[in-house]
Amino acid sequence: MSTMTTATTMLQQYLDAETAILAGKTVQFAGRTHTMESLDMIQKGRREWEVRVNAEAAKAARTPTIGGLGYKVARFD
């Protein structure tokens, strides 16, 4: 499984878990049972995987980055 596929899959799992918890459900995720009290941990994990997905997408698009942030060089032709 490629890094992009893994990151995208993990992000989707965190999004699904977050949605379920916000709907008041209890979910099994990462070998644990999570409820509303786990929401902060789920959201933190989601944010981490969003960064990974965005970094992999930028790498695939060959977007130049500094510290993970993309940039463009102005051309004054």
C-alpha atoms as a PDB file:
ATOM      1  CA  MET A   1       0.000   0.000   0.000  1.00  0.00           C
ATOM      2  CA  SER A   2       1.468   3.386  -0.955  1.00  0.00           C
ATOM      3  CA  THR A   3       2.061   6.119   1.583  1.00  0.00           C
ATOM      4  CA  MET A   4      -0.650   8.283   0.033  1.00  0.00           C
ATOM      5  CA  THR A   5      -3.162   5.447   0.157  1.00  0.00           C
ATOM      6  CA  THR A   6      -2.297   4.689   3.786  1.00  0.00           C
ATOM      7  CA  ALA A   7      -2.570   8.347   4.803  1.00  0.00           C
ATOM      8  CA  THR A   8      -5.873   8.774   2.965  1.00  0.00           C
ATOM      9  CA  THR A   9      -7.289   5.597   4.511  1.00  0.00           C
ATOM     10  CA  MET A  10      -6.250   6.629   8.020  1.00  0.00           C
ATOM     11  CA  LEU A  11      -7.679  10.119   7.534  1.00  0.00           C
ATOM     12  CA  GLN A  12     -10.998   8.626   6.423  1.00  0.00           C
ATOM     13  CA  GLN A  13     -11.077   6.351   9.472  1.00  0.00           C
ATOM     14  CA  TYR A  14     -10.509   9.312  11.789  1.00  0.00           C
ATOM     15  CA  LEU A  15     -13.199  11.318   9.981  1.00  0.00           C
ATOM     16  CA  ASP A  16     -15.646   8.426  10.298  1.00  0.00           C
ATOM     17  CA  ALA A  17     -14.852   8.003  13.997  1.00  0.00           C
ATOM     18  CA  GLU A  18     -15.228  11.736  14.630  1.00  0.00           C
ATOM     19  CA  THR A  19     -18.573  11.825  12.819  1.00  0.00           C
ATOM     20  CA  ALA A  20     -19.864   8.832  14.764  1.00  0.00           C
ATOM     21  CA  ILE A  21     -18.768  10.258  18.112  1.00  0.00           C
ATOM     22  CA  LEU A  22     -20.371  13.609  17.326  1.00  0.00           C
ATOM     23  CA  ALA A  23     -23.585  11.708  16.555  1.00  0.00           C
ATOM     24  CA  GLY A  24     -23.455  10.269  20.079  1.00  0.00           C
ATOM     25  CA  LYS A  25     -22.279   6.808  19.114  1.00  0.00           C
ATOM     26  CA  THR A  26     -19.596   4.674  20.704  1.00  0.00           C
ATOM     27  CA  VAL A  27     -16.992   3.456  18.220  1.00  0.00           C
ATOM     28  CA  GLN A  28     -14.250   0.827  18.190  1.00  0.00           C
ATOM     29  CA  PHE A  29     -11.146   2.453  16.762  1.00  0.00           C
ATOM     30  CA  ALA A  30      -7.446   1.638  17.055  1.00  0.00           C
ATOM     31  CA  GLY A  31      -8.193  -1.246  19.396  1.00  0.00           C
ATOM     32  CA  ARG A  32     -10.133   0.882  21.859  1.00  0.00           C
ATOM     33  CA  THR A  33     -13.706   1.917  22.559  1.00  0.00           C
ATOM     34  CA  HIS A  34     -14.211   5.660  22.126  1.00  0.00           C
ATOM     35  CA  THR A  35     -17.011   7.919  23.299  1.00  0.00           C
ATOM     36  CA  MET A  36     -17.523  11.689  23.464  1.00  0.00           C
ATOM     37  CA  GLU A  37     -14.723  11.887  26.051  1.00  0.00           C
ATOM     38  CA  SER A  38     -12.295  10.680  23.352  1.00  0.00           C
ATOM     39  CA  LEU A  39     -13.248  13.396  20.870  1.00  0.00           C
ATOM     40  CA  ASP A  40     -10.144  15.525  21.515  1.00  0.00           C
ATOM     41  CA  MET A  41      -7.858  12.563  20.829  1.00  0.00           C
ATOM     42  CA  ILE A  42      -9.751  11.651  17.645  1.00  0.00           C
ATOM     43  CA  GLN A  43      -9.626  15.246  16.394  1.00  0.00           C
ATOM     44  CA  LYS A  44      -5.897  15.477  17.124  1.00  0.00           C
ATOM     45  CA  GLY A  45      -5.299  12.281  15.149  1.00  0.00           C
ATOM     46  CA  ARG A  46      -7.444  13.582  12.290  1.00  0.00           C
ATOM     47  CA  ARG A  47      -5.406  16.793  12.116  1.00  0.00           C
ATOM     48  CA  GLU A  48      -2.150  14.799  12.053  1.00  0.00           C
ATOM     49  CA  TRP A  49      -3.370  12.638   9.171  1.00  0.00           C
ATOM     50  CA  GLU A  50      -4.658  15.708   7.281  1.00  0.00           C
ATOM     51  CA  VAL A  51      -1.128  17.130   7.413  1.00  0.00           C
ATOM     52  CA  ARG A  52       0.273  13.834   6.105  1.00  0.00           C
ATOM     53  CA  VAL A  53      -2.268  13.631   3.280  1.00  0.00           C
ATOM     54  CA  ASN A  54      -1.581  17.243   2.267  1.00  0.00           C
ATOM     55  CA  ALA A  55       2.192  16.667   2.360  1.00  0.00           C
ATOM     56  CA  GLU A  56       1.891  13.544   0.210  1.00  0.00           C
ATOM     57  CA  ALA A  57      -0.393  15.354  -2.244  1.00  0.00           C
ATOM     58  CA  ALA A  58       2.093  18.239  -2.517  1.00  0.00           C
ATOM     59  CA  LYS A  59       4.929  15.763  -3.010  1.00  0.00           C
ATOM     60  CA  ALA A  60       2.987  13.985  -5.741  1.00  0.00           C
ATOM     61  CA  ALA A  61       2.224  17.328  -7.430  1.00  0.00           C
ATOM     62  CA  ARG A  62       5.868  18.339  -7.003  1.00  0.00           C
ATOM     63  CA  THR A  63       4.823  21.494  -5.179  1.00  0.00           C
ATOM     64  CA  PRO A  64       7.850  23.106  -3.530  1.00  0.00           C
ATOM     65  CA  THR A  65       7.625  23.415   0.238  1.00  0.00           C
ATOM     66  CA  ILE A  66       9.481  24.961   3.146  1.00  0.00           C
ATOM     67  CA  GLY A  67       8.662  23.386   6.484  1.00  0.00           C
ATOM     68  CA  GLY A  68       5.637  21.662   4.967  1.00  0.00           C
ATOM     69  CA  LEU A  69       4.140  24.895   3.629  1.00  0.00           C
ATOM     70  CA  GLY A  70       3.802  25.294  -0.115  1.00  0.00           C
ATOM     71  CA  TYR A  71       4.987  28.399  -1.910  1.00  0.00           C
ATOM     72  CA  LYS A  72       5.167  29.892  -5.375  1.00  0.00           C
ATOM     73  CA  VAL A  73       7.796  32.173  -6.830  1.00  0.00           C
ATOM     74  CA  ALA A  74       6.532  35.395  -8.356  1.00  0.00           C
ATOM     75  CA  ARG A  75       7.536  36.016 -11.968  1.00  0.00           C
ATOM     76  CA  PHE A  76       7.749  39.569 -13.214  1.00  0.00           C
ATOM     77  CA  ASP A  77       8.147  38.998 -16.949  1.00  0.00           C
END
